[in-house]
Amino acid sequence: DRARTGGGTVGVLLLDLDHFKAINDTYGHPIG
């Protein structure tokens, strides 16, 4: 909203850990 009214910019990053399911499967969700 601020960028729209003030002429600024906003960047958005979406991050996904690669092969994270293997950590949960190997060590359990608490370690994950």
Full PDB file with SEQRES, HELIX, SHEET, SSBOND, CRYST1, ORIGX, SCALE, CONECT and MASTER records, all heavy atoms in Angstrom:
SEQRES   1 A   32  ASP ARG ALA ARG THR GLY GLY GLY THR VAL GLY VAL LEU          
SEQRES   2 A   32  LEU LEU ASP LEU ASP HIS PHE LYS ALA ILE ASN ASP THR          
SEQRES   3 A   32  TYR GLY HIS PRO ILE GLY                                      
HELIX    1 AA1 ARG A    2  GLY A    6  1                                   5    
HELIX    2 AA2 PHE A   20  TYR A   27  1                                   8    
CRYST1    1.000    1.000    1.000  90.00  90.00  90.00 P 1           1          
ORIGX1      1.000000  0.000000  0.000000        0.00000                         
ORIGX2      0.000000  1.000000  0.000000        0.00000                         
ORIGX3      0.000000  0.000000  1.000000        0.00000                         
SCALE1      1.000000  0.000000  0.000000        0.00000                         
SCALE2      0.000000  1.000000  0.000000        0.00000                         
SCALE3      0.000000  0.000000  1.000000        0.00000                         
ATOM      1  N   ASP A   1       0.840  -1.206   0.000  1.00  0.00           N  
ATOM      2  CA  ASP A   1       0.000   0.000   0.000  1.00  0.00           C  
ATOM      3  C   ASP A   1       0.874   1.255   0.000  1.00  0.00           C  
ATOM      4  O   ASP A   1       0.582   2.229  -0.719  1.00  0.00           O  
ATOM      5  CB  ASP A   1      -0.915   0.004   1.219  1.00  0.00           C  
ATOM      6  CG  ASP A   1      -2.054  -1.005   1.100  1.00  0.00           C  
ATOM      7  OD1 ASP A   1      -2.331  -1.433  -0.043  1.00  0.00           O  
ATOM      8  OD2 ASP A   1      -2.646  -1.365   2.127  1.00  0.00           O  
ATOM      9  N   ARG A   2       1.938   1.246   0.788  1.00  0.00           N  
ATOM     10  CA  ARG A   2       2.836   2.405   0.827  1.00  0.00           C  
ATOM     11  C   ARG A   2       3.541   2.593  -0.506  1.00  0.00           C  
ATOM     12  O   ARG A   2       3.709   3.723  -0.988  1.00  0.00           O  
ATOM     13  CB  ARG A   2       3.876   2.220   1.933  1.00  0.00           C  
ATOM     14  CG  ARG A   2       3.305   2.257   3.341  1.00  0.00           C  
ATOM     15  CD  ARG A   2       4.393   1.954   4.365  1.00  0.00           C  
ATOM     16  NE  ARG A   2       3.834   1.731   5.690  1.00  0.00           N  
ATOM     17  CZ  ARG A   2       4.543   1.305   6.732  1.00  0.00           C  
ATOM     18  NH1 ARG A   2       5.834   1.044   6.579  1.00  0.00           N  
ATOM     19  NH2 ARG A   2       3.967   1.137   7.903  1.00  0.00           N  
ATOM     20  N   ALA A   3       3.974   1.478  -1.109  1.00  0.00           N  
ATOM     21  CA  ALA A   3       4.642   1.569  -2.408  1.00  0.00           C  
ATOM     22  C   ALA A   3       3.681   2.084  -3.471  1.00  0.00           C  
ATOM     23  O   ALA A   3       4.066   2.868  -4.349  1.00  0.00           O  
ATOM     24  CB  ALA A   3       5.189   0.200  -2.806  1.00  0.00           C  
ATOM     25  N   ARG A   4       2.424   1.675  -3.382  1.00  0.00           N  
ATOM     26  CA  ARG A   4       1.423   2.078  -4.369  1.00  0.00           C  
ATOM     27  C   ARG A   4       1.154   3.572  -4.298  1.00  0.00           C  
ATOM     28  O   ARG A   4       0.998   4.247  -5.317  1.00  0.00           O  
ATOM     29  CB  ARG A   4       0.136   1.282  -4.136  1.00  0.00           C  
ATOM     30  CG  ARG A   4      -0.897   1.417  -5.249  1.00  0.00           C  
ATOM     31  CD  ARG A   4      -2.106   0.545  -4.952  1.00  0.00           C  
ATOM     32  NE  ARG A   4      -1.766  -0.864  -4.931  1.00  0.00           N  
ATOM     33  CZ  ARG A   4      -1.831  -1.638  -3.848  1.00  0.00           C  
ATOM     34  NH1 ARG A   4      -2.214  -1.126  -2.686  1.00  0.00           N  
ATOM     35  NH2 ARG A   4      -1.512  -2.917  -3.919  1.00  0.00           N  
ATOM     36  N   THR A   5       1.095   4.113  -3.084  1.00  0.00           N  
ATOM     37  CA  THR A   5       0.792   5.539  -2.928  1.00  0.00           C  
ATOM     38  C   THR A   5       2.038   6.414  -2.967  1.00  0.00           C  
ATOM     39  O   THR A   5       1.964   7.583  -3.359  1.00  0.00           O  
ATOM     40  CB  THR A   5       0.058   5.783  -1.598  1.00  0.00           C  
ATOM     41  OG1 THR A   5       0.866   5.292  -0.511  1.00  0.00           O  
ATOM     42  CG2 THR A   5      -1.268   5.054  -1.580  1.00  0.00           C  
ATOM     43  N   GLY A   6       3.178   5.853  -2.557  1.00  0.00           N  
ATOM     44  CA  GLY A   6       4.392   6.668  -2.487  1.00  0.00           C  
ATOM     45  C   GLY A   6       5.382   6.438  -3.602  1.00  0.00           C  
ATOM     46  O   GLY A   6       6.429   7.086  -3.649  1.00  0.00           O  
ATOM     47  N   GLY A   7       5.072   5.507  -4.493  1.00  0.00           N  
ATOM     48  CA  GLY A   7       5.959   5.274  -5.626  1.00  0.00           C  
ATOM     49  C   GLY A   7       7.180   4.442  -5.315  1.00  0.00           C  
ATOM     50  O   GLY A   7       8.167   4.500  -6.067  1.00  0.00           O  
ATOM     51  N   GLY A   8       7.156   3.658  -4.256  1.00  0.00           N  
ATOM     52  CA  GLY A   8       8.292   2.823  -3.912  1.00  0.00           C  
ATOM     53  C   GLY A   8       8.199   1.444  -4.524  1.00  0.00           C  
ATOM     54  O   GLY A   8       7.370   1.175  -5.409  1.00  0.00           O  
ATOM     55  N   THR A   9       9.053   0.557  -4.073  1.00  0.00           N  
ATOM     56  CA  THR A   9       9.063  -0.826  -4.555  1.00  0.00           C  
ATOM     57  C   THR A   9       9.028  -1.776  -3.367  1.00  0.00           C  
ATOM     58  O   THR A   9       9.385  -1.420  -2.244  1.00  0.00           O  
ATOM     59  CB  THR A   9      10.337  -1.129  -5.375  1.00  0.00           C  
ATOM     60  OG1 THR A   9      11.481  -0.922  -4.537  1.00  0.00           O  
ATOM     61  CG2 THR A   9      10.420  -0.234  -6.591  1.00  0.00           C  
ATOM     62  N   VAL A  10       8.599  -3.002  -3.637  1.00  0.00           N  
ATOM     63  CA  VAL A  10       8.564  -4.053  -2.614  1.00  0.00           C  
ATOM     64  C   VAL A  10       8.996  -5.361  -3.268  1.00  0.00           C  
ATOM     65  O   VAL A  10       8.442  -5.761  -4.302  1.00  0.00           O  
ATOM     66  CB  VAL A  10       7.156  -4.229  -2.007  1.00  0.00           C  
ATOM     67  CG1 VAL A  10       7.175  -5.373  -0.989  1.00  0.00           C  
ATOM     68  CG2 VAL A  10       6.689  -2.948  -1.344  1.00  0.00           C  
ATOM     69  N   GLY A  11       9.987  -6.003  -2.670  1.00  0.00           N  
ATOM     70  CA  GLY A  11      10.407  -7.308  -3.144  1.00  0.00           C  
ATOM     71  C   GLY A  11       9.865  -8.410  -2.251  1.00  0.00           C  
ATOM     72  O   GLY A  11       9.707  -8.219  -1.047  1.00  0.00           O  
ATOM     73  N   VAL A  12       9.562  -9.541  -2.830  1.00  0.00           N  
ATOM     74  CA  VAL A  12       9.087 -10.707  -2.081  1.00  0.00           C  
ATOM     75  C   VAL A  12       9.907 -11.924  -2.490  1.00  0.00           C  
ATOM     76  O   VAL A  12      10.097 -12.178  -3.686  1.00  0.00           O  
ATOM     77  CB  VAL A  12       7.587 -10.977  -2.328  1.00  0.00           C  
ATOM     78  CG1 VAL A  12       7.180 -12.331  -1.743  1.00  0.00           C  
ATOM     79  CG2 VAL A  12       6.740  -9.871  -1.709  1.00  0.00           C  
ATOM     80  N   LEU A  13      10.418 -12.633  -1.498  1.00  0.00           N  
ATOM     81  CA  LEU A  13      11.154 -13.872  -1.725  1.00  0.00           C  
ATOM     82  C   LEU A  13      10.392 -15.019  -1.097  1.00  0.00           C  
ATOM     83  O   LEU A  13       9.924 -14.910   0.042  1.00  0.00           O  
ATOM     84  CB  LEU A  13      12.550 -13.812  -1.087  1.00  0.00           C  
ATOM     85  CG  LEU A  13      13.459 -12.619  -1.412  1.00  0.00           C  
ATOM     86  CD1 LEU A  13      14.792 -12.776  -0.697  1.00  0.00           C  
ATOM     87  CD2 LEU A  13      13.663 -12.496  -2.911  1.00  0.00           C  
ATOM     88  N   LEU A  14      10.256 -16.108  -1.815  1.00  0.00           N  
ATOM     89  CA  LEU A  14       9.742 -17.356  -1.265  1.00  0.00           C  
ATOM     90  C   LEU A  14      10.882 -18.369  -1.276  1.00  0.00           C  
ATOM     91  O   LEU A  14      11.505 -18.602  -2.322  1.00  0.00           O  
ATOM     92  CB  LEU A  14       8.556 -17.879  -2.076  1.00  0.00           C  
ATOM     93  CG  LEU A  14       7.224 -17.144  -1.885  1.00  0.00           C  
ATOM     94  CD1 LEU A  14       6.112 -17.840  -2.681  1.00  0.00           C  
ATOM     95  CD2 LEU A  14       6.822 -17.075  -0.421  1.00  0.00           C  
ATOM     96  N   LEU A  15      11.172 -18.947  -0.117  1.00  0.00           N  
ATOM     97  CA  LEU A  15      12.280 -19.879   0.038  1.00  0.00           C  
ATOM     98  C   LEU A  15      11.746 -21.256   0.400  1.00  0.00           C  
ATOM     99  O   LEU A  15      10.808 -21.368   1.191  1.00  0.00           O  
ATOM    100  CB  LEU A  15      13.232 -19.428   1.155  1.00  0.00           C  
ATOM    101  CG  LEU A  15      14.015 -18.134   1.008  1.00  0.00           C  
ATOM    102  CD1 LEU A  15      13.128 -16.905   1.114  1.00  0.00           C  
ATOM    103  CD2 LEU A  15      15.088 -18.059   2.097  1.00  0.00           C  
ATOM    104  N   ASP A  16      12.358 -22.280  -0.164  1.00  0.00           N  
ATOM    105  CA  ASP A  16      11.977 -23.644   0.152  1.00  0.00           C  
ATOM    106  C   ASP A  16      13.246 -24.468   0.364  1.00  0.00           C  
ATOM    107  O   ASP A  16      14.103 -24.542  -0.525  1.00  0.00           O  
ATOM    108  CB  ASP A  16      11.142 -24.242  -0.980  1.00  0.00           C  
ATOM    109  CG  ASP A  16      10.574 -25.598  -0.615  1.00  0.00           C  
ATOM    110  OD1 ASP A  16      11.296 -26.597  -0.760  1.00  0.00           O  
ATOM    111  OD2 ASP A  16       9.419 -25.660  -0.161  1.00  0.00           O  
ATOM    112  N   LEU A  17      13.367 -25.085   1.556  1.00  0.00           N  
ATOM    113  CA  LEU A  17      14.531 -25.922   1.831  1.00  0.00           C  
ATOM    114  C   LEU A  17      14.490 -27.172   0.958  1.00  0.00           C  
ATOM    115  O   LEU A  17      13.460 -27.854   0.900  1.00  0.00           O  
ATOM    116  CB  LEU A  17      14.568 -26.313   3.307  1.00  0.00           C  
ATOM    117  CG  LEU A  17      14.957 -25.203   4.285  1.00  0.00           C  
ATOM    118  CD1 LEU A  17      14.864 -25.727   5.710  1.00  0.00           C  
ATOM    119  CD2 LEU A  17      16.353 -24.706   4.000  1.00  0.00           C  
ATOM    120  N   ASP A  18      15.590 -27.478   0.326  1.00  0.00           N  
ATOM    121  CA  ASP A  18      15.645 -28.626  -0.586  1.00  0.00           C  
ATOM    122  C   ASP A  18      15.766 -29.935   0.204  1.00  0.00           C  
ATOM    123  O   ASP A  18      16.552 -30.029   1.147  1.00  0.00           O  
ATOM    124  CB  ASP A  18      16.848 -28.484  -1.521  1.00  0.00           C  
ATOM    125  CG  ASP A  18      16.756 -27.239  -2.389  1.00  0.00           C  
ATOM    126  OD1 ASP A  18      15.630 -26.883  -2.788  1.00  0.00           O  
ATOM    127  OD2 ASP A  18      17.812 -26.621  -2.641  1.00  0.00           O  
ATOM    128  N   HIS A  19      14.969 -30.911  -0.192  1.00  0.00           N  
ATOM    129  CA  HIS A  19      15.035 -32.271   0.372  1.00  0.00           C  
ATOM    130  C   HIS A  19      14.848 -32.286   1.898  1.00  0.00           C  
ATOM    131  O   HIS A  19      15.452 -33.106   2.599  1.00  0.00           O  
ATOM    132  CB  HIS A  19      16.373 -32.943   0.010  1.00  0.00           C  
ATOM    133  CG  HIS A  19      16.673 -32.942  -1.453  1.00  0.00           C  
ATOM    134  ND1 HIS A  19      15.897 -33.635  -2.368  1.00  0.00           N  
ATOM    135  CD2 HIS A  19      17.658 -32.319  -2.158  1.00  0.00           C  
ATOM    136  CE1 HIS A  19      16.398 -33.454  -3.585  1.00  0.00           C  
ATOM    137  NE2 HIS A  19      17.451 -32.660  -3.478  1.00  0.00           N  
ATOM    138  N   PHE A  20      14.033 -31.370   2.404  1.00  0.00           N  
ATOM    139  CA  PHE A  20      13.872 -31.295   3.858  1.00  0.00           C  
ATOM    140  C   PHE A  20      13.114 -32.506   4.416  1.00  0.00           C  
ATOM    141  O   PHE A  20      13.320 -32.899   5.559  1.00  0.00           O  
ATOM    142  CB  PHE A  20      13.134 -29.999   4.233  1.00  0.00           C  
ATOM    143  CG  PHE A  20      12.993 -29.803   5.708  1.00  0.00           C  
ATOM    144  CD1 PHE A  20      14.081 -29.421   6.479  1.00  0.00           C  
ATOM    145  CD2 PHE A  20      11.773 -30.014   6.333  1.00  0.00           C  
ATOM    146  CE1 PHE A  20      13.960 -29.246   7.843  1.00  0.00           C  
ATOM    147  CE2 PHE A  20      11.635 -29.839   7.695  1.00  0.00           C  
ATOM    148  CZ  PHE A  20      12.739 -29.445   8.461  1.00  0.00           C  
ATOM    149  N   LYS A  21      12.249 -33.092   3.603  1.00  0.00           N  
ATOM    150  CA  LYS A  21      11.487 -34.247   4.070  1.00  0.00           C  
ATOM    151  C   LYS A  21      12.410 -35.375   4.526  1.00  0.00           C  
ATOM    152  O   LYS A  21      12.096 -36.108   5.472  1.00  0.00           O  
ATOM    153  CB  LYS A  21      10.560 -34.744   2.953  1.00  0.00           C  
ATOM    154  CG  LYS A  21       9.639 -35.892   3.383  1.00  0.00           C  
ATOM    155  CD  LYS A  21       8.711 -36.279   2.248  1.00  0.00           C  
ATOM    156  CE  LYS A  21       7.750 -37.383   2.676  1.00  0.00           C  
ATOM    157  NZ  LYS A  21       8.441 -38.629   3.067  1.00  0.00           N  
ATOM    158  N   ALA A  22      13.562 -35.479   3.884  1.00  0.00           N  
ATOM    159  CA  ALA A  22      14.510 -36.537   4.258  1.00  0.00           C  
ATOM    160  C   ALA A  22      15.024 -36.343   5.688  1.00  0.00           C  
ATOM    161  O   ALA A  22      15.284 -37.314   6.402  1.00  0.00           O  
ATOM    162  CB  ALA A  22      15.680 -36.554   3.284  1.00  0.00           C  
ATOM    163  N   ILE A  23      15.148 -35.090   6.118  1.00  0.00           N  
ATOM    164  CA  ILE A  23      15.603 -34.821   7.492  1.00  0.00           C  
ATOM    165  C   ILE A  23      14.547 -35.271   8.486  1.00  0.00           C  
ATOM    166  O   ILE A  23      14.844 -35.936   9.480  1.00  0.00           O  
ATOM    167  CB  ILE A  23      15.926 -33.321   7.661  1.00  0.00           C  
ATOM    168  CG1 ILE A  23      17.112 -32.950   6.783  1.00  0.00           C  
ATOM    169  CG2 ILE A  23      16.197 -32.989   9.124  1.00  0.00           C  
ATOM    170  CD1 ILE A  23      17.465 -31.485   6.811  1.00  0.00           C  
ATOM    171  N   ASN A  24      13.289 -34.919   8.226  1.00  0.00           N  
ATOM    172  CA  ASN A  24      12.210 -35.359   9.109  1.00  0.00           C  
ATOM    173  C   ASN A  24      12.089 -36.878   9.150  1.00  0.00           C  
ATOM    174  O   ASN A  24      11.894 -37.479  10.216  1.00  0.00           O  
ATOM    175  CB  ASN A  24      10.876 -34.747   8.667  1.00  0.00           C  
ATOM    176  CG  ASN A  24      10.721 -33.308   9.105  1.00  0.00           C  
ATOM    177  OD1 ASN A  24      11.325 -32.879  10.096  1.00  0.00           O  
ATOM    178  ND2 ASN A  24       9.923 -32.546   8.381  1.00  0.00           N  
ATOM    179  N   ASP A  25      12.206 -37.488   7.984  1.00  0.00           N  
ATOM    180  CA  ASP A  25      12.071 -38.954   7.927  1.00  0.00           C  
ATOM    181  C   ASP A  25      13.226 -39.658   8.631  1.00  0.00           C  
ATOM    182  O   ASP A  25      13.044 -40.722   9.230  1.00  0.00           O  
ATOM    183  CB  ASP A  25      12.006 -39.406   6.459  1.00  0.00           C  
ATOM    184  CG  ASP A  25      10.719 -38.970   5.776  1.00  0.00           C  
ATOM    185  OD1 ASP A  25       9.776 -38.584   6.490  1.00  0.00           O  
ATOM    186  OD2 ASP A  25      10.674 -38.983   4.532  1.00  0.00           O  
ATOM    187  N   THR A  26      14.424 -39.076   8.566  1.00  0.00           N  
ATOM    188  CA  THR A  26      15.609 -39.719   9.136  1.00  0.00           C  
ATOM    189  C   THR A  26      15.758 -39.460  10.627  1.00  0.00           C  
ATOM    190  O   THR A  26      16.032 -40.383  11.405  1.00  0.00           O  
ATOM    191  CB  THR A  26      16.880 -39.234   8.414  1.00  0.00           C  
ATOM    192  OG1 THR A  26      16.746 -39.490   7.013  1.00  0.00           O  
ATOM    193  CG2 THR A  26      18.115 -39.953   8.959  1.00  0.00           C  
ATOM    194  N   TYR A  27      15.549 -38.219  11.024  1.00  0.00           N  
ATOM    195  CA  TYR A  27      15.850 -37.836  12.407  1.00  0.00           C  
ATOM    196  C   TYR A  27      14.612 -37.523  13.250  1.00  0.00           C  
ATOM    197  O   TYR A  27      14.716 -37.409  14.471  1.00  0.00           O  
ATOM    198  CB  TYR A  27      16.759 -36.604  12.414  1.00  0.00           C  
ATOM    199  CG  TYR A  27      18.056 -36.808  11.663  1.00  0.00           C  
ATOM    200  CD1 TYR A  27      18.248 -36.228  10.410  1.00  0.00           C  
ATOM    201  CD2 TYR A  27      19.069 -37.576  12.197  1.00  0.00           C  
ATOM    202  CE1 TYR A  27      19.434 -36.411   9.705  1.00  0.00           C  
ATOM    203  CE2 TYR A  27      20.268 -37.770  11.504  1.00  0.00           C  
ATOM    204  CZ  TYR A  27      20.436 -37.181  10.257  1.00  0.00           C  
ATOM    205  OH  TYR A  27      21.604 -37.373   9.587  1.00  0.00           O  
ATOM    206  N   GLY A  28      13.466 -37.371  12.608  1.00  0.00           N  
ATOM    207  CA  GLY A  28      12.254 -37.041  13.337  1.00  0.00           C  
ATOM    208  C   GLY A  28      11.934 -35.561  13.273  1.00  0.00           C  
ATOM    209  O   GLY A  28      12.802 -34.721  13.014  1.00  0.00           O  
ATOM    210  N   HIS A  29      10.669 -35.224  13.520  1.00  0.00           N  
ATOM    211  CA  HIS A  29      10.211 -33.842  13.407  1.00  0.00           C  
ATOM    212  C   HIS A  29      10.824 -32.901  14.436  1.00  0.00           C  
ATOM    213  O   HIS A  29      11.057 -31.718  14.123  1.00  0.00           O  
ATOM    214  CB  HIS A  29       8.686 -33.791  13.458  1.00  0.00           C  
ATOM    215  CG  HIS A  29       8.036 -34.269  12.192  1.00  0.00           C  
ATOM    216  ND1 HIS A  29       7.814 -35.606  11.934  1.00  0.00           N  
ATOM    217  CD2 HIS A  29       7.597 -33.589  11.102  1.00  0.00           C  
ATOM    218  CE1 HIS A  29       7.241 -35.733  10.744  1.00  0.00           C  
ATOM    219  NE2 HIS A  29       7.103 -34.524  10.219  1.00  0.00           N  
ATOM    220  N   PRO A  30      11.108 -33.321  15.682  1.00  0.00           N  
ATOM    221  CA  PRO A  30      11.766 -32.397  16.611  1.00  0.00           C  
ATOM    222  C   PRO A  30      13.116 -31.909  16.100  1.00  0.00           C  
ATOM    223  O   PRO A  30      13.453 -30.725  16.252  1.00  0.00           O  
ATOM    224  CB  PRO A  30      11.905 -33.231  17.891  1.00  0.00           C  
ATOM    225  CG  PRO A  30      10.782 -34.217  17.828  1.00  0.00           C  
ATOM    226  CD  PRO A  30      10.671 -34.563  16.381  1.00  0.00           C  
ATOM    227  N   ILE A  31      13.888 -32.811  15.487  1.00  0.00           N  
ATOM    228  CA  ILE A  31      15.167 -32.401  14.903  1.00  0.00           C  
ATOM    229  C   ILE A  31      14.920 -31.506  13.693  1.00  0.00           C  
ATOM    230  O   ILE A  31      15.626 -30.521  13.466  1.00  0.00           O  
ATOM    231  CB  ILE A  31      16.012 -33.617  14.504  1.00  0.00           C  
ATOM    232  CG1 ILE A  31      16.331 -34.444  15.750  1.00  0.00           C  
ATOM    233  CG2 ILE A  31      17.281 -33.195  13.798  1.00  0.00           C  
ATOM    234  CD1 ILE A  31      17.110 -33.701  16.805  1.00  0.00           C  
ATOM    235  N   GLY A  32      13.891 -31.842  12.926  1.00  0.00           N  
ATOM    236  CA  GLY A  32      13.536 -30.986  11.791  1.00  0.00           C  
ATOM    237  C   GLY A  32      13.192 -29.578  12.233  1.00  0.00           C  
ATOM    238  O   GLY A  32      13.591 -28.598  11.591  1.00  0.00           O  
TER     239      GLY A  32                                                      
MASTER        0    0    0    2    0    0    0    6  238    1    0    3          
END                                                                             
